[in-house]
Structures are given as C-alpha cells and as structure tokens.
Amino acid sequence: MALKKQFSSFEEMLSASTVPVLVDFYATWCGPCQMMSPILEQVGTQMRSRVQVVKIDTDKYPGIASKYGIQSLPTLVLFKKSQPIEKFEGAMQASQLMQRLNLLI
C-alpha cells in the first residue's frame, strides 16, 4: 500500500525507512500513472515487509523530480540506504515489477 505521509524533507523520509523505498513519481493528469496506482497498491501490500511504496506528485514537488532526473511519467525509483539504485520508466504489470524488485532487494 502506498503511504500518504507528511515529511519535512524527502531525504528525512528516505533515511527514516528501515527497508528500501520505491518512489512513484507521478502526476494527477498522467493516464499511465493512474493505471499504476492499483499495481503499486498490490506490490506494496504483497511486499510490505521488504519495501515501502511512496508516491511523489511531480507537480507539487518539482525540485525532487528534477534532482533525480525524472523526465517521463510514471517513473519509479528504488532507494536503498537513501541512495537511488534503480529507475523504472513507464507502466508495467505487478508481476513484472515484483520480479524486478526481488532481484534488487
């Protein structure tokens, strides 16, 4: 399940996590982003103990998106120990995403 949390900084949220963080960079107007929402819910539920799923609206946080070179939506970035280790661009199926995540975490 994707968490809707308030945090004082993105870096603080990353460093506070005890598991890798999968960040979904999205926009409300993005059709493929909307298609990814239930997929990310499923991945977050099934991999709850191994990964935390967080959504970042690029329209609300353009600085964060820019810092990590987000140029297309949706883009998922996997962070381990506060560092980006993998970037996934475009929509994908839950099984495909979980298979890729299992290789990285």
PDB file of N, CA and C in Angstrom:
ATOM      1  N   MET A   1       0.836  -1.176   0.000  1.00  0.00           N
ATOM      2  CA  MET A   1       0.000   0.000   0.000  1.00  0.00           C
ATOM      3  C   MET A   1       0.882   1.242   0.000  1.00  0.00           C
ATOM      4  N   ALA A   2       0.571   2.204  -0.820  1.00  0.00           N
ATOM      5  CA  ALA A   2       1.326   3.455  -0.867  1.00  0.00           C
ATOM      6  C   ALA A   2       0.912   4.320   0.314  1.00  0.00           C
ATOM      7  N   LEU A   3       1.897   4.896   0.944  1.00  0.00           N
ATOM      8  CA  LEU A   3       1.617   5.702   2.129  1.00  0.00           C
ATOM      9  C   LEU A   3       1.461   7.164   1.760  1.00  0.00           C
ATOM     10  N   LYS A   4       0.507   7.812   2.383  1.00  0.00           N
ATOM     11  CA  LYS A   4       0.372   9.259   2.254  1.00  0.00           C
ATOM     12  C   LYS A   4       0.803   9.829   3.587  1.00  0.00           C
ATOM     13  N   LYS A   5       2.024  10.334   3.627  1.00  0.00           N
ATOM     14  CA  LYS A   5       2.593  10.858   4.861  1.00  0.00           C
ATOM     15  C   LYS A   5       3.088  12.270   4.618  1.00  0.00           C
ATOM     16  N   GLN A   6       3.136  13.002   5.684  1.00  0.00           N
ATOM     17  CA  GLN A   6       3.771  14.317   5.636  1.00  0.00           C
ATOM     18  C   GLN A   6       5.200  14.131   6.126  1.00  0.00           C
ATOM     19  N   PHE A   7       6.136  14.789   5.476  1.00  0.00           N
ATOM     20  CA  PHE A   7       7.515  14.726   5.948  1.00  0.00           C
ATOM     21  C   PHE A   7       8.153  16.081   5.719  1.00  0.00           C
ATOM     22  N   SER A   8       9.094  16.420   6.587  1.00  0.00           N
ATOM     23  CA  SER A   8       9.703  17.740   6.467  1.00  0.00           C
ATOM     24  C   SER A   8      10.707  17.789   5.320  1.00  0.00           C
ATOM     25  N   SER A   9      11.285  16.654   4.969  1.00  0.00           N
ATOM     26  CA  SER A   9      12.152  16.612   3.795  1.00  0.00           C
ATOM     27  C   SER A   9      12.136  15.209   3.203  1.00  0.00           C
ATOM     28  N   PHE A  10      12.355  15.136   1.913  1.00  0.00           N
ATOM     29  CA  PHE A  10      12.389  13.867   1.209  1.00  0.00           C
ATOM     30  C   PHE A  10      13.527  13.004   1.753  1.00  0.00           C
ATOM     31  N   GLU A  11      14.674  13.633   1.977  1.00  0.00           N
ATOM     32  CA  GLU A  11      15.830  12.916   2.486  1.00  0.00           C
ATOM     33  C   GLU A  11      15.558  12.337   3.878  1.00  0.00           C
ATOM     34  N   GLU A  12      14.831  13.083   4.707  1.00  0.00           N
ATOM     35  CA  GLU A  12      14.477  12.594   6.039  1.00  0.00           C
ATOM     36  C   GLU A  12      13.598  11.345   5.931  1.00  0.00           C
ATOM     37  N   MET A  13      12.647  11.362   5.022  1.00  0.00           N
ATOM     38  CA  MET A  13      11.768  10.221   4.824  1.00  0.00           C
ATOM     39  C   MET A  13      12.576   9.005   4.376  1.00  0.00           C
ATOM     40  N   LEU A  14      13.518   9.199   3.451  1.00  0.00           N
ATOM     41  CA  LEU A  14      14.338   8.090   2.973  1.00  0.00           C
ATOM     42  C   LEU A  14      15.202   7.520   4.098  1.00  0.00           C
ATOM     43  N   SER A  15      15.830   8.384   4.867  1.00  0.00           N
ATOM     44  CA  SER A  15      16.734   7.908   5.918  1.00  0.00           C
ATOM     45  C   SER A  15      15.991   7.266   7.079  1.00  0.00           C
ATOM     46  N   ALA A  16      14.727   7.610   7.272  1.00  0.00           N
ATOM     47  CA  ALA A  16      13.946   7.050   8.370  1.00  0.00           C
ATOM     48  C   ALA A  16      13.436   5.638   8.054  1.00  0.00           C
ATOM     49  N   SER A  17      13.458   5.246   6.796  1.00  0.00           N
ATOM     50  CA  SER A  17      12.924   3.948   6.413  1.00  0.00           C
ATOM     51  C   SER A  17      13.919   2.832   6.720  1.00  0.00           C
ATOM     52  N   THR A  18      13.407   1.747   7.279  1.00  0.00           N
ATOM     53  CA  THR A  18      14.248   0.592   7.601  1.00  0.00           C
ATOM     54  C   THR A  18      14.316  -0.402   6.438  1.00  0.00           C
ATOM     55  N   VAL A  19      13.511  -0.177   5.405  1.00  0.00           N
ATOM     56  CA  VAL A  19      13.505  -1.025   4.212  1.00  0.00           C
ATOM     57  C   VAL A  19      13.718  -0.136   2.988  1.00  0.00           C
ATOM     58  N   PRO A  20      14.085  -0.724   1.841  1.00  0.00           N
ATOM     59  CA  PRO A  20      14.200   0.092   0.622  1.00  0.00           C
ATOM     60  C   PRO A  20      12.876   0.811   0.334  1.00  0.00           C
ATOM     61  N   VAL A  21      12.976   1.965  -0.310  1.00  0.00           N
ATOM     62  CA  VAL A  21      11.809   2.785  -0.618  1.00  0.00           C
ATOM     63  C   VAL A  21      11.639   2.857  -2.135  1.00  0.00           C
ATOM     64  N   LEU A  22      10.460   2.475  -2.607  1.00  0.00           N
ATOM     65  CA  LEU A  22      10.122   2.593  -4.023  1.00  0.00           C
ATOM     66  C   LEU A  22       9.280   3.850  -4.178  1.00  0.00           C
ATOM     67  N   VAL A  23       9.830   4.836  -4.870  1.00  0.00           N
ATOM     68  CA  VAL A  23       9.143   6.116  -5.042  1.00  0.00           C
ATOM     69  C   VAL A  23       8.500   6.160  -6.425  1.00  0.00           C
ATOM     70  N   ASP A  24       7.197   6.403  -6.428  1.00  0.00           N
ATOM     71  CA  ASP A  24       6.432   6.557  -7.657  1.00  0.00           C
ATOM     72  C   ASP A  24       6.333   8.045  -7.953  1.00  0.00           C
ATOM     73  N   PHE A  25       7.072   8.508  -8.954  1.00  0.00           N
ATOM     74  CA  PHE A  25       6.958   9.895  -9.403  1.00  0.00           C
ATOM     75  C   PHE A  25       5.828   9.929 -10.425  1.00  0.00           C
ATOM     76  N   TYR A  26       4.781  10.698 -10.111  1.00  0.00           N
ATOM     77  CA  TYR A  26       3.568  10.688 -10.934  1.00  0.00           C
ATOM     78  C   TYR A  26       2.997  12.103 -11.022  1.00  0.00           C
ATOM     79  N   ALA A  27       1.939  12.236 -11.819  1.00  0.00           N
ATOM     80  CA  ALA A  27       1.150  13.468 -11.889  1.00  0.00           C
ATOM     81  C   ALA A  27      -0.316  13.063 -12.013  1.00  0.00           C
ATOM     82  N   THR A  28      -1.186  13.874 -11.453  1.00  0.00           N
ATOM     83  CA  THR A  28      -2.612  13.544 -11.453  1.00  0.00           C
ATOM     84  C   THR A  28      -3.194  13.502 -12.870  1.00  0.00           C
ATOM     85  N   TRP A  29      -2.622  14.249 -13.809  1.00  0.00           N
ATOM     86  CA  TRP A  29      -3.119  14.304 -15.175  1.00  0.00           C
ATOM     87  C   TRP A  29      -2.576  13.182 -16.068  1.00  0.00           C
ATOM     88  N   CYS A  30      -1.690  12.356 -15.544  1.00  0.00           N
ATOM     89  CA  CYS A  30      -0.993  11.322 -16.313  1.00  0.00           C
ATOM     90  C   CYS A  30      -1.800  10.020 -16.319  1.00  0.00           C
ATOM     91  N   GLY A  31      -2.315   9.623 -17.488  1.00  0.00           N
ATOM     92  CA  GLY A  31      -3.107   8.397 -17.612  1.00  0.00           C
ATOM     93  C   GLY A  31      -2.365   7.132 -17.184  1.00  0.00           C
ATOM     94  N   PRO A  32      -1.153   6.876 -17.718  1.00  0.00           N
ATOM     95  CA  PRO A  32      -0.412   5.688 -17.288  1.00  0.00           C
ATOM     96  C   PRO A  32      -0.111   5.689 -15.781  1.00  0.00           C
ATOM     97  N   CYS A  33       0.041   6.877 -15.206  1.00  0.00           N
ATOM     98  CA  CYS A  33       0.264   6.978 -13.757  1.00  0.00           C
ATOM     99  C   CYS A  33      -0.958   6.465 -13.001  1.00  0.00           C
ATOM    100  N   GLN A  34      -2.143   6.804 -13.494  1.00  0.00           N
ATOM    101  CA  GLN A  34      -3.374   6.347 -12.858  1.00  0.00           C
ATOM    102  C   GLN A  34      -3.501   4.825 -12.973  1.00  0.00           C
ATOM    103  N   MET A  35      -3.056   4.273 -14.098  1.00  0.00           N
ATOM    104  CA  MET A  35      -3.081   2.821 -14.282  1.00  0.00           C
ATOM    105  C   MET A  35      -2.143   2.123 -13.295  1.00  0.00           C
ATOM    106  N   MET A  36      -1.069   2.793 -12.906  1.00  0.00           N
ATOM    107  CA  MET A  36      -0.089   2.196 -11.988  1.00  0.00           C
ATOM    108  C   MET A  36      -0.560   2.193 -10.534  1.00  0.00           C
ATOM    109  N   SER A  37      -1.528   3.035 -10.179  1.00  0.00           N
ATOM    110  CA  SER A  37      -1.961   3.131  -8.779  1.00  0.00           C
ATOM    111  C   SER A  37      -2.376   1.782  -8.182  1.00  0.00           C
ATOM    112  N   PRO A  38      -3.303   1.034  -8.807  1.00  0.00           N
ATOM    113  CA  PRO A  38      -3.675  -0.259  -8.208  1.00  0.00           C
ATOM    114  C   PRO A  38      -2.524  -1.265  -8.225  1.00  0.00           C
ATOM    115  N   ILE A  39      -1.658  -1.163  -9.210  1.00  0.00           N
ATOM    116  CA  ILE A  39      -0.498  -2.063  -9.297  1.00  0.00           C
ATOM    117  C   ILE A  39       0.443  -1.790  -8.132  1.00  0.00           C
ATOM    118  N   LEU A  40       0.674  -0.512  -7.837  1.00  0.00           N
ATOM    119  CA  LEU A  40       1.550  -0.159  -6.718  1.00  0.00           C
ATOM    120  C   LEU A  40       0.925  -0.539  -5.381  1.00  0.00           C
ATOM    121  N   GLU A  41      -0.400  -0.440  -5.289  1.00  0.00           N
ATOM    122  CA  GLU A  41      -1.089  -0.885  -4.072  1.00  0.00           C
ATOM    123  C   GLU A  41      -0.845  -2.380  -3.865  1.00  0.00           C
ATOM    124  N   GLN A  42      -0.972  -3.150  -4.946  1.00  0.00           N
ATOM    125  CA  GLN A  42      -0.770  -4.599  -4.869  1.00  0.00           C
ATOM    126  C   GLN A  42       0.677  -4.920  -4.490  1.00  0.00           C
ATOM    127  N   VAL A  43       1.625  -4.286  -5.130  1.00  0.00           N
ATOM    128  CA  VAL A  43       3.039  -4.523  -4.838  1.00  0.00           C
ATOM    129  C   VAL A  43       3.351  -4.135  -3.396  1.00  0.00           C
ATOM    130  N   GLY A  44       2.850  -2.982  -2.979  1.00  0.00           N
ATOM    131  CA  GLY A  44       3.081  -2.524  -1.610  1.00  0.00           C
ATOM    132  C   GLY A  44       2.512  -3.471  -0.573  1.00  0.00           C
ATOM    133  N   THR A  45       1.355  -4.045  -0.857  1.00  0.00           N
ATOM    134  CA  THR A  45       0.726  -4.996   0.070  1.00  0.00           C
ATOM    135  C   THR A  45       1.491  -6.312   0.101  1.00  0.00           C
ATOM    136  N   GLN A  46       1.816  -6.833  -1.075  1.00  0.00           N
ATOM    137  CA  GLN A  46       2.486  -8.135  -1.136  1.00  0.00           C
ATOM    138  C   GLN A  46       3.938  -8.088  -0.668  1.00  0.00           C
ATOM    139  N   MET A  47       4.586  -6.936  -0.790  1.00  0.00           N
ATOM    140  CA  MET A  47       6.000  -6.823  -0.401  1.00  0.00           C
ATOM    141  C   MET A  47       6.169  -5.918   0.820  1.00  0.00           C
ATOM    142  N   ARG A  48       5.122  -5.796   1.610  1.00  0.00           N
ATOM    143  CA  ARG A  48       5.061  -4.862   2.739  1.00  0.00           C
ATOM    144  C   ARG A  48       6.297  -4.906   3.645  1.00  0.00           C
ATOM    145  N   SER A  49       6.777  -6.101   3.958  1.00  0.00           N
ATOM    146  CA  SER A  49       7.900  -6.219   4.886  1.00  0.00           C
ATOM    147  C   SER A  49       9.251  -5.973   4.221  1.00  0.00           C
ATOM    148  N   ARG A  50       9.262  -5.859   2.887  1.00  0.00           N
ATOM    149  CA  ARG A  50      10.532  -5.736   2.173  1.00  0.00           C
ATOM    150  C   ARG A  50      10.753  -4.391   1.483  1.00  0.00           C
ATOM    151  N   VAL A  51       9.661  -3.656   1.230  1.00  0.00           N
ATOM    152  CA  VAL A  51       9.788  -2.377   0.522  1.00  0.00           C
ATOM    153  C   VAL A  51       8.654  -1.451   0.939  1.00  0.00           C
ATOM    154  N   GLN A  52       8.956  -0.166   0.990  1.00  0.00           N
ATOM    155  CA  GLN A  52       7.946   0.850   1.285  1.00  0.00           C
ATOM    156  C   GLN A  52       7.661   1.599  -0.011  1.00  0.00           C
ATOM    157  N   VAL A  53       6.383   1.734  -0.360  1.00  0.00           N
ATOM    158  CA  VAL A  53       5.995   2.438  -1.585  1.00  0.00           C
ATOM    159  C   VAL A  53       5.517   3.838  -1.211  1.00  0.00           C
ATOM    160  N   VAL A  54       6.101   4.836  -1.874  1.00  0.00           N
ATOM    161  CA  VAL A  54       5.773   6.238  -1.612  1.00  0.00           C
ATOM    162  C   VAL A  54       5.471   6.909  -2.947  1.00  0.00           C
ATOM    163  N   LYS A  55       4.444   7.754  -2.977  1.00  0.00           N
ATOM    164  CA  LYS A  55       4.079   8.477  -4.186  1.00  0.00           C
ATOM    165  C   LYS A  55       4.492   9.948  -4.047  1.00  0.00           C
ATOM    166  N   ILE A  56       5.113  10.479  -5.094  1.00  0.00           N
ATOM    167  CA  ILE A  56       5.513  11.886  -5.124  1.00  0.00           C
ATOM    168  C   ILE A  56       4.884  12.528  -6.356  1.00  0.00           C
ATOM    169  N   ASP A  57       4.028  13.513  -6.130  1.00  0.00           N
ATOM    170  CA  ASP A  57       3.392  14.260  -7.214  1.00  0.00           C
ATOM    171  C   ASP A  57       4.410  15.269  -7.757  1.00  0.00           C
ATOM    172  N   THR A  58       4.823  15.069  -8.999  1.00  0.00           N
ATOM    173  CA  THR A  58       5.870  15.921  -9.576  1.00  0.00           C
ATOM    174  C   THR A  58       5.412  17.366  -9.763  1.00  0.00           C
ATOM    175  N   ASP A  59       4.102  17.588  -9.835  1.00  0.00           N
ATOM    176  CA  ASP A  59       3.608  18.961  -9.939  1.00  0.00           C
ATOM    177  C   ASP A  59       3.750  19.692  -8.604  1.00  0.00           C
ATOM    178  N   LYS A  60       3.638  18.964  -7.506  1.00  0.00           N
ATOM    179  CA  LYS A  60       3.765  19.567  -6.175  1.00  0.00           C
ATOM    180  C   LYS A  60       5.211  19.631  -5.698  1.00  0.00           C
ATOM    181  N   TYR A  61       6.033  18.710  -6.181  1.00  0.00           N
ATOM    182  CA  TYR A  61       7.437  18.642  -5.752  1.00  0.00           C
ATOM    183  C   TYR A  61       8.373  18.590  -6.962  1.00  0.00           C
ATOM    184  N   PRO A  62       8.366  19.640  -7.800  1.00  0.00           N
ATOM    185  CA  PRO A  62       9.204  19.614  -8.997  1.00  0.00           C
ATOM    186  C   PRO A  62      10.704  19.567  -8.684  1.00  0.00           C
ATOM    187  N   GLY A  63      11.105  20.109  -7.552  1.00  0.00           N
ATOM    188  CA  GLY A  63      12.521  20.097  -7.178  1.00  0.00           C
ATOM    189  C   GLY A  63      13.036  18.690  -6.940  1.00  0.00           C
ATOM    190  N   ILE A  64      12.218  17.858  -6.296  1.00  0.00           N
ATOM    191  CA  ILE A  64      12.618  16.469  -6.044  1.00  0.00           C
ATOM    192  C   ILE A  64      12.705  15.717  -7.374  1.00  0.00           C
ATOM    193  N   ALA A  65      11.712  15.917  -8.228  1.00  0.00           N
ATOM    194  CA  ALA A  65      11.710  15.254  -9.537  1.00  0.00           C
ATOM    195  C   ALA A  65      12.938  15.670 -10.353  1.00  0.00           C
ATOM    196  N   SER A  66      13.259  16.931 -10.323  1.00  0.00           N
ATOM    197  CA  SER A  66      14.411  17.439 -11.060  1.00  0.00           C
ATOM    198  C   SER A  66      15.718  16.863 -10.512  1.00  0.00           C
ATOM    199  N   LYS A  67      15.822  16.801  -9.196  1.00  0.00           N
ATOM    200  CA  LYS A  67      17.047  16.293  -8.551  1.00  0.00           C
ATOM    201  C   LYS A  67      17.364  14.870  -9.003  1.00  0.00           C
ATOM    202  N   TYR A  68      16.332  14.058  -9.224  1.00  0.00           N
ATOM    203  CA  TYR A  68      16.541  12.663  -9.601  1.00  0.00           C
ATOM    204  C   TYR A  68      16.342  12.409 -11.094  1.00  0.00           C
ATOM    205  N   GLY A  69      16.323  13.479 -11.886  1.00  0.00           N
ATOM    206  CA  GLY A  69      16.300  13.360 -13.339  1.00  0.00           C
ATOM    207  C   GLY A  69      15.047  12.729 -13.904  1.00  0.00           C
ATOM    208  N   ILE A  70      13.901  13.012 -13.287  1.00  0.00           N
ATOM    209  CA  ILE A  70      12.642  12.448 -13.761  1.00  0.00           C
ATOM    210  C   ILE A  70      12.208  13.231 -14.995  1.00  0.00           C
ATOM    211  N   GLN A  71      12.152  12.531 -16.148  1.00  0.00           N
ATOM    212  CA  GLN A  71      11.793  13.194 -17.394  1.00  0.00           C
ATOM    213  C   GLN A  71      10.532  12.641 -18.023  1.00  0.00           C
ATOM    214  N   SER A  72      10.116  11.445 -17.601  1.00  0.00           N
ATOM    215  CA  SER A  72       8.872  10.875 -18.119  1.00  0.00           C
ATOM    216  C   SER A  72       8.089  10.293 -16.957  1.00  0.00           C
ATOM    217  N   LEU A  73       6.783  10.192 -17.155  1.00  0.00           N
ATOM    218  CA  LEU A  73       5.910   9.681 -16.099  1.00  0.00           C
ATOM    219  C   LEU A  73       5.111   8.503 -16.629  1.00  0.00           C
ATOM    220  N   PRO A  74       4.848   7.509 -15.805  1.00  0.00           N
ATOM    221  CA  PRO A  74       5.357   7.372 -14.448  1.00  0.00           C
ATOM    222  C   PRO A  74       6.812   6.895 -14.451  1.00  0.00           C
ATOM    223  N   THR A  75       7.546   7.296 -13.437  1.00  0.00           N
ATOM    224  CA  THR A  75       8.894   6.795 -13.197  1.00  0.00           C
ATOM    225  C   THR A  75       8.959   6.331 -11.757  1.00  0.00           C
ATOM    226  N   LEU A  76       9.465   5.128 -11.557  1.00  0.00           N
ATOM    227  CA  LEU A  76       9.659   4.575 -10.223  1.00  0.00           C
ATOM    228  C   LEU A  76      11.157   4.555  -9.950  1.00  0.00           C
ATOM    229  N   VAL A  77      11.545   5.000  -8.760  1.00  0.00           N
ATOM    230  CA  VAL A  77      12.951   4.967  -8.373  1.00  0.00           C
ATOM    231  C   VAL A  77      13.048   4.185  -7.071  1.00  0.00           C
ATOM    232  N   LEU A  78      13.928   3.186  -7.060  1.00  0.00           N
ATOM    233  CA  LEU A  78      14.158   2.396  -5.859  1.00  0.00           C
ATOM    234  C   LEU A  78      15.352   2.973  -5.118  1.00  0.00           C
ATOM    235  N   PHE A  79      15.127   3.322  -3.856  1.00  0.00           N
ATOM    236  CA  PHE A  79      16.178   3.856  -2.999  1.00  0.00           C
ATOM    237  C   PHE A  79      16.545   2.821  -1.944  1.00  0.00           C
ATOM    238  N   LYS A  80      17.831   2.609  -1.767  1.00  0.00           N
ATOM    239  CA  LYS A  80      18.344   1.739  -0.715  1.00  0.00           C
ATOM    240  C   LYS A  80      19.335   2.564   0.085  1.00  0.00           C
ATOM    241  N   LYS A  81      19.144   2.603   1.396  1.00  0.00           N
ATOM    242  CA  LYS A  81      20.006   3.398   2.278  1.00  0.00           C
ATOM    243  C   LYS A  81      20.113   4.840   1.763  1.00  0.00           C
ATOM    244  N   SER A  82      18.978   5.394   1.398  1.00  0.00           N
ATOM    245  CA  SER A  82      18.821   6.785   0.942  1.00  0.00           C
ATOM    246  C   SER A  82      19.428   7.076  -0.426  1.00  0.00           C
ATOM    247  N   GLN A  83      19.931   6.062  -1.124  1.00  0.00           N
ATOM    248  CA  GLN A  83      20.552   6.276  -2.431  1.00  0.00           C
ATOM    249  C   GLN A  83      19.721   5.620  -3.531  1.00  0.00           C
ATOM    250  N   PRO A  84      19.545   6.328  -4.664  1.00  0.00           N
ATOM    251  CA  PRO A  84      18.811   5.714  -5.782  1.00  0.00           C
ATOM    252  C   PRO A  84      19.654   4.604  -6.396  1.00  0.00           C
ATOM    253  N   ILE A  85      19.067   3.399  -6.522  1.00  0.00           N
ATOM    254  CA  ILE A  85      19.839   2.293  -7.092  1.00  0.00           C
ATOM    255  C   ILE A  85      19.256   1.782  -8.408  1.00  0.00           C
ATOM    256  N   GLU A  86      17.996   2.104  -8.680  1.00  0.00           N
ATOM    257  CA  GLU A  86      17.386   1.651  -9.936  1.00  0.00           C
ATOM    258  C   GLU A  86      16.227   2.559 -10.306  1.00  0.00           C
ATOM    259  N   LYS A  87      16.051   2.769 -11.613  1.00  0.00           N
ATOM    260  CA  LYS A  87      14.951   3.600 -12.117  1.00  0.00           C
ATOM    261  C   LYS A  87      14.159   2.784 -13.129  1.00  0.00           C
ATOM    262  N   PHE A  88      12.835   2.794 -12.982  1.00  0.00           N
ATOM    263  CA  PHE A  88      11.933   2.104 -13.901  1.00  0.00           C
ATOM    264  C   PHE A  88      11.033   3.160 -14.534  1.00  0.00           C
ATOM    265  N   GLU A  89      11.040   3.264 -15.852  1.00  0.00           N
ATOM    266  CA  GLU A  89      10.195   4.243 -16.530  1.00  0.00           C
ATOM    267  C   GLU A  89       9.048   3.534 -17.235  1.00  0.00           C
ATOM    268  N   GLY A  90       7.873   4.139 -17.154  1.00  0.00           N
ATOM    269  CA  GLY A  90       6.705   3.609 -17.836  1.00  0.00           C
ATOM    270  C   GLY A  90       5.903   2.651 -16.976  1.00  0.00           C
ATOM    271  N   ALA A  91       4.705   2.353 -17.448  1.00  0.00           N
ATOM    272  CA  ALA A  91       3.801   1.452 -16.733  1.00  0.00           C
ATOM    273  C   ALA A  91       4.255   0.012 -16.935  1.00  0.00           C
ATOM    274  N   MET A  92       3.977  -0.822 -15.937  1.00  0.00           N
ATOM    275  CA  MET A  92       4.281  -2.247 -16.027  1.00  0.00           C
ATOM    276  C   MET A  92       3.309  -3.017 -15.161  1.00  0.00           C
ATOM    277  N   GLN A  93       3.246  -4.317 -15.362  1.00  0.00           N
ATOM    278  CA  GLN A  93       2.363  -5.166 -14.582  1.00  0.00           C
ATOM    279  C   GLN A  93       2.977  -5.432 -13.211  1.00  0.00           C
ATOM    280  N   ALA A  94       2.117  -5.764 -12.242  1.00  0.00           N
ATOM    281  CA  ALA A  94       2.571  -6.022 -10.871  1.00  0.00           C
ATOM    282  C   ALA A  94       3.599  -7.145 -10.835  1.00  0.00           C
ATOM    283  N   SER A  95       3.335  -8.234 -11.556  1.00  0.00           N
ATOM    284  CA  SER A  95       4.260  -9.371 -11.539  1.00  0.00           C
ATOM    285  C   SER A  95       5.630  -8.981 -12.086  1.00  0.00           C
ATOM    286  N   GLN A  96       5.637  -8.171 -13.122  1.00  0.00           N
ATOM    287  CA  GLN A  96       6.880  -7.706 -13.725  1.00  0.00           C
ATOM    288  C   GLN A  96       7.652  -6.818 -12.743  1.00  0.00           C
ATOM    289  N   LEU A  97       6.951  -5.912 -12.075  1.00  0.00           N
ATOM    290  CA  LEU A  97       7.593  -5.022 -11.114  1.00  0.00           C
ATOM    291  C   LEU A  97       8.141  -5.809  -9.927  1.00  0.00           C
ATOM    292  N   MET A  98       7.353  -6.734  -9.402  1.00  0.00           N
ATOM    293  CA  MET A  98       7.816  -7.523  -8.250  1.00  0.00           C
ATOM    294  C   MET A  98       9.019  -8.385  -8.618  1.00  0.00           C
ATOM    295  N   GLN A  99       9.020  -8.927  -9.817  1.00  0.00           N
ATOM    296  CA  GLN A  99      10.156  -9.735 -10.264  1.00  0.00           C
ATOM    297  C   GLN A  99      11.426  -8.875 -10.294  1.00  0.00           C
ATOM    298  N   ARG A 100      11.332  -7.671 -10.821  1.00  0.00           N
ATOM    299  CA  ARG A 100      12.496  -6.777 -10.883  1.00  0.00           C
ATOM    300  C   ARG A 100      12.932  -6.343  -9.490  1.00  0.00           C
ATOM    301  N   LEU A 101      11.967  -6.056  -8.615  1.00  0.00           N
ATOM    302  CA  LEU A 101      12.294  -5.652  -7.245  1.00  0.00           C
ATOM    303  C   LEU A 101      12.971  -6.785  -6.476  1.00  0.00           C
ATOM    304  N   ASN A 102      12.491  -8.013  -6.677  1.00  0.00           N
ATOM    305  CA  ASN A 102      13.076  -9.168  -5.975  1.00  0.00           C
ATOM    306  C   ASN A 102      14.549  -9.354  -6.307  1.00  0.00           C
ATOM    307  N   LEU A 103      14.971  -8.943  -7.489  1.00  0.00           N
ATOM    308  CA  LEU A 103      16.371  -9.045  -7.864  1.00  0.00           C
ATOM    309  C   LEU A 103      17.229  -7.977  -7.184  1.00  0.00           C
ATOM    310  N   LEU A 104      16.587  -6.902  -6.717  1.00  0.00           N
ATOM    311  CA  LEU A 104      17.326  -5.746  -6.185  1.00  0.00           C
ATOM    312  C   LEU A 104      17.298  -5.619  -4.672  1.00  0.00           C
ATOM    313  N   ILE A 105      16.302  -6.219  -4.018  1.00  0.00           N
ATOM    314  CA  ILE A 105      16.197  -6.060  -2.561  1.00  0.00           C
ATOM    315  C   ILE A 105      16.341  -7.384  -1.837  1.00  0.00           C
TER     316      ILE A 105
END
